[in-house]
């Protein structure tokens, strides 16, 4: 992968992660950096899924179907990460007690 390909994957990942988070209903207790990381991974996985099901991914314009697959994967990814982080935070911070 070239430097241009890596930069474009990061930029597309940012957009895909943000769209995935916006489309997911409710509040997600994850930070922006984790959202970007989920978006980048979702973009890569979404492209692989799009290729596997026969959606053309190397066209001369915007690949709308590929982008749709990437956003759907990002929604699932953000939901999973938010659920895992919420469960982890709940287990650690559980109950607060007051010291007298």
Protein backbone atom coordinates (compact mmCIF):
# COMPACT_ATOMS: atom_id res chain seq x y z
CA UNK A 1 0.00 0.00 0.00
CA UNK A 2 1.34 3.42 -0.94
CA UNK A 3 1.51 6.48 1.29
CA UNK A 4 -1.40 7.98 -0.64
CA UNK A 5 -3.42 4.82 -0.05
CA UNK A 6 -2.71 4.91 3.68
CA UNK A 7 -3.66 8.59 3.95
CA UNK A 8 -6.87 8.05 1.98
CA UNK A 9 -7.73 5.00 4.15
CA UNK A 10 -7.33 7.15 7.27
CA UNK A 11 -9.47 9.96 5.84
CA UNK A 12 -12.18 7.58 4.66
CA UNK A 13 -11.99 5.82 8.03
CA UNK A 14 -12.62 9.11 9.83
CA UNK A 15 -15.70 9.78 7.69
CA UNK A 16 -16.97 6.20 7.98
CA UNK A 17 -16.46 6.15 11.76
CA UNK A 18 -18.26 9.46 12.20
CA UNK A 19 -21.16 8.33 10.01
CA UNK A 20 -21.38 5.04 11.89
CA UNK A 21 -21.52 6.85 15.21
CA UNK A 22 -24.11 9.35 13.96
CA UNK A 23 -26.38 6.62 12.59
CA UNK A 24 -26.27 4.55 15.77
CA UNK A 25 -29.12 5.60 18.06
CA UNK A 26 -28.40 6.46 21.68
CA UNK A 27 -25.27 7.72 23.38
CA UNK A 28 -21.96 5.97 22.89
CA UNK A 29 -19.43 6.44 25.68
CA UNK A 30 -16.36 6.16 23.47
CA UNK A 31 -13.86 8.81 22.51
CA UNK A 32 -13.21 10.32 19.11
CA UNK A 33 -9.89 8.47 18.67
CA UNK A 34 -11.59 5.13 19.25
CA UNK A 35 -14.33 6.15 16.82
CA UNK A 36 -11.68 6.96 14.21
CA UNK A 37 -9.91 3.64 14.83
CA UNK A 38 -13.21 1.76 14.47
CA UNK A 39 -13.87 3.72 11.27
CA UNK A 40 -10.50 2.83 9.76
CA UNK A 41 -10.91 -0.86 10.59
CA UNK A 42 -14.51 -0.75 9.33
CA UNK A 43 -13.41 0.83 6.06
CA UNK A 44 -10.89 -1.95 5.47
CA UNK A 45 -13.31 -4.72 6.47
CA UNK A 46 -16.14 -3.10 4.48
CA UNK A 47 -13.99 -3.00 1.35
CA UNK A 48 -13.11 -6.68 1.77
CA UNK A 49 -16.78 -7.58 2.24
CA UNK A 50 -17.80 -5.47 -0.78
CA UNK A 51 -15.23 -7.23 -2.95
CA UNK A 52 -16.33 -10.63 -1.66
CA UNK A 53 -19.97 -10.05 -2.57
CA UNK A 54 -19.12 -8.67 -6.01
CA UNK A 55 -19.44 -4.91 -5.56
CA UNK A 56 -16.92 -3.12 -7.79
CA UNK A 57 -14.45 -1.22 -5.60
CA UNK A 58 -12.01 0.20 -8.15
CA UNK A 59 -14.03 2.74 -10.12
CA UNK A 60 -13.18 6.26 -11.25
CA UNK A 61 -15.60 7.96 -8.86
CA UNK A 62 -17.15 7.48 -5.45
CA UNK A 63 -18.10 3.88 -4.82
CA UNK A 64 -21.46 4.44 -3.13
CA UNK A 65 -22.26 0.77 -2.56
CA UNK A 66 -18.83 0.15 -1.05
CA UNK A 67 -19.28 3.20 1.18
CA UNK A 68 -22.68 1.89 2.28
CA UNK A 69 -21.13 -1.46 3.26
CA UNK A 70 -18.35 0.35 5.15
CA UNK A 71 -20.83 2.50 7.08
CA UNK A 72 -22.96 -0.53 8.01
CA UNK A 73 -19.82 -2.27 9.29
CA UNK A 74 -18.90 0.92 11.19
CA UNK A 75 -22.32 1.06 12.88
CA UNK A 76 -21.87 -2.54 14.02
CA UNK A 77 -18.29 -1.82 15.11
CA UNK A 78 -19.20 1.31 17.09
CA UNK A 79 -22.06 -0.57 18.78
CA UNK A 80 -19.77 -3.45 19.75
CA UNK A 81 -16.98 -1.22 21.04
CA UNK A 82 -19.41 0.99 22.98
CA UNK A 83 -21.02 -2.08 24.55
CA UNK A 84 -17.65 -3.59 25.47
CA UNK A 85 -16.31 -0.35 26.93
CA UNK A 86 -19.54 0.31 28.80
CA UNK A 87 -19.46 -3.17 30.31
CA UNK A 88 -15.81 -2.75 31.28
CA UNK A 89 -16.41 0.64 32.90
CA UNK A 90 -19.42 -0.66 34.79
CA UNK A 91 -17.46 -3.56 36.23
CA UNK A 92 -14.64 -1.35 37.47
CA UNK A 93 -16.57 1.66 38.70
CA UNK A 94 -19.62 -0.30 39.89
CA UNK A 95 -20.81 1.21 43.14
CA UNK A 96 -19.52 4.34 44.80
CA UNK A 97 -19.49 4.52 48.57
CA UNK A 98 -19.10 7.55 50.77
CA UNK A 99 -16.41 7.58 53.40
CA UNK A 100 -17.37 9.22 56.71
